[in-house]
Protein backbone atom coordinates (compact mmCIF):
# COMPACT_ATOMS: atom_id res chain seq x y z
CA UNK A 1 38.37 117.46 24.38
CA UNK A 2 40.61 114.63 25.28
CA UNK A 3 43.36 114.61 28.72
CA UNK A 4 45.02 111.84 26.99
CA UNK A 5 47.86 113.58 26.39
CA UNK A 6 49.73 111.47 23.70
CA UNK A 7 46.24 111.94 22.04
CA UNK A 8 47.12 115.48 22.30
CA UNK A 9 49.92 115.27 20.56
CA UNK A 10 52.01 116.44 23.68
CA UNK A 11 52.65 113.46 25.62
CA UNK A 12 55.78 111.89 25.95
CA UNK A 13 56.61 110.14 22.25
CA UNK A 14 59.88 107.95 23.16
CA UNK A 15 57.74 106.05 25.21
CA UNK A 16 59.76 106.91 28.52
CA UNK A 17 58.56 106.35 31.58
CA UNK A 18 58.86 109.63 33.75
CA UNK A 19 61.45 109.70 36.21
CA UNK A 20 58.93 110.34 39.30
CA UNK A 21 56.92 107.48 39.10
CA UNK A 22 60.03 105.50 39.07
CA UNK A 23 60.89 106.47 42.24
CA UNK A 24 60.15 104.54 45.86
CA UNK A 25 59.57 105.58 49.08
CA UNK A 26 62.15 105.93 50.77
CA UNK A 27 62.89 102.48 53.46
CA UNK A 28 62.98 103.02 56.89
CA UNK A 29 66.78 103.01 58.45
CA UNK A 30 65.62 100.58 61.29
CA UNK A 31 63.85 98.20 61.21
CA UNK A 32 62.07 96.72 65.25
CA UNK A 33 60.18 94.25 66.07
CA UNK A 34 59.25 92.82 69.46
CA UNK A 35 57.35 89.23 69.93
CA UNK A 36 56.11 88.97 73.54
CA UNK A 37 58.33 86.78 75.68
CA UNK A 38 55.90 83.56 74.94
CA UNK A 39 55.68 83.18 71.58
CA UNK A 40 59.97 83.59 71.53
CA UNK A 41 60.21 80.21 73.23
CA UNK A 42 57.76 79.42 71.56
CA UNK A 43 59.94 79.98 68.79
CA UNK A 44 62.93 78.11 70.17
CA UNK A 45 61.06 74.96 71.30
CA UNK A 46 60.11 74.69 67.89
CA UNK A 47 63.28 75.86 66.45
CA UNK A 48 64.33 72.39 68.54
CA UNK A 49 62.06 69.47 67.16
CA UNK A 50 63.31 71.19 63.60
CA UNK A 51 66.79 71.29 64.02
CA UNK A 52 65.57 66.95 65.63
CA UNK A 53 63.96 66.76 61.80
CA UNK A 54 66.35 67.85 59.77
CA UNK A 55 69.58 65.76 62.21
CA UNK A 56 67.11 62.55 61.26
CA UNK A 57 67.45 63.15 58.02
CA UNK A 58 70.55 63.42 57.58
CA UNK A 59 72.00 60.96 59.59
CA UNK A 60 68.14 58.45 60.03
CA UNK A 61 66.93 58.54 57.04
CA UNK A 62 65.50 55.30 57.64
CA UNK A 63 64.25 55.19 60.00
CA UNK A 64 59.72 56.70 59.55
CA UNK A 65 59.20 60.73 60.02
CA UNK A 66 56.89 61.12 63.53
CA UNK A 67 53.53 63.33 61.53
CA UNK A 68 54.11 67.60 61.64
CA UNK A 69 52.30 68.55 64.53
CA UNK A 70 49.88 71.42 63.83
CA UNK A 71 50.98 74.38 63.83
CA UNK A 72 49.59 77.65 65.88
CA UNK A 73 47.03 79.92 64.67
CA UNK A 74 48.71 83.32 64.97
CA UNK A 75 46.92 86.95 64.03
CA UNK A 76 48.07 88.58 61.65
CA UNK A 77 50.57 90.71 62.70
CA UNK A 78 52.00 88.28 65.14
CA UNK A 79 52.41 85.80 61.69
CA UNK A 80 53.99 88.97 60.31
CA UNK A 81 56.72 89.15 62.87
CA UNK A 82 57.14 85.78 62.70
CA UNK A 83 58.55 85.96 59.46
CA UNK A 84 60.62 88.61 60.41
CA UNK A 85 62.26 86.99 63.22
CA UNK A 86 62.82 83.58 61.22
CA UNK A 87 64.26 85.82 58.11
CA UNK A 88 66.36 87.61 60.27
CA UNK A 89 67.66 84.36 62.06
CA UNK A 90 68.20 82.74 58.76
CA UNK A 91 70.13 86.25 57.28
CA UNK A 92 72.13 85.77 60.97
CA UNK A 93 72.97 82.00 59.81
CA UNK A 94 74.29 82.63 57.11
CA UNK A 95 76.81 85.19 58.17
CA UNK A 96 77.77 83.27 60.66
CA UNK A 97 78.68 80.42 58.36
CA UNK A 98 80.28 82.98 55.99
CA UNK A 99 82.83 84.39 59.06
CA UNK A 100 83.14 80.64 59.44
CA UNK A 101 84.83 79.93 56.07
CA UNK A 102 86.53 83.04 56.61
CA UNK A 103 88.49 82.46 60.03
CA UNK A 104 88.99 78.76 58.66
CA UNK A 105 90.27 80.31 55.25
CA UNK A 106 87.94 78.46 52.71
CA UNK A 107 86.99 82.31 51.73
CA UNK A 108 88.71 84.91 50.06
CA UNK A 109 88.34 87.59 51.68
CA UNK A 110 87.21 90.58 49.57
CA UNK A 111 89.56 93.53 49.92
């Protein structure tokens, strides 16, 4: 016996993917994560160092850059939270810049 429906002539002859296979699992409405206080403090210290490097790149490109420090070694779950934290902060910055453009009249508001 052949279990392949198309071989038996009973399959989807239009070669369409069934709808139930295209449905995704619902996403959680709220994603929350927590960094330990020490981890969050560390992120702000590293962020300040990154800002200093960017400032030097923009305003003093002729100066030699100090070498990058070795990155901290994080467990996988903490590393995943760091990725989420950085993504959230990047999105917040983009939203702030968009608001600044609206306030300064540099971007038209969508009504």
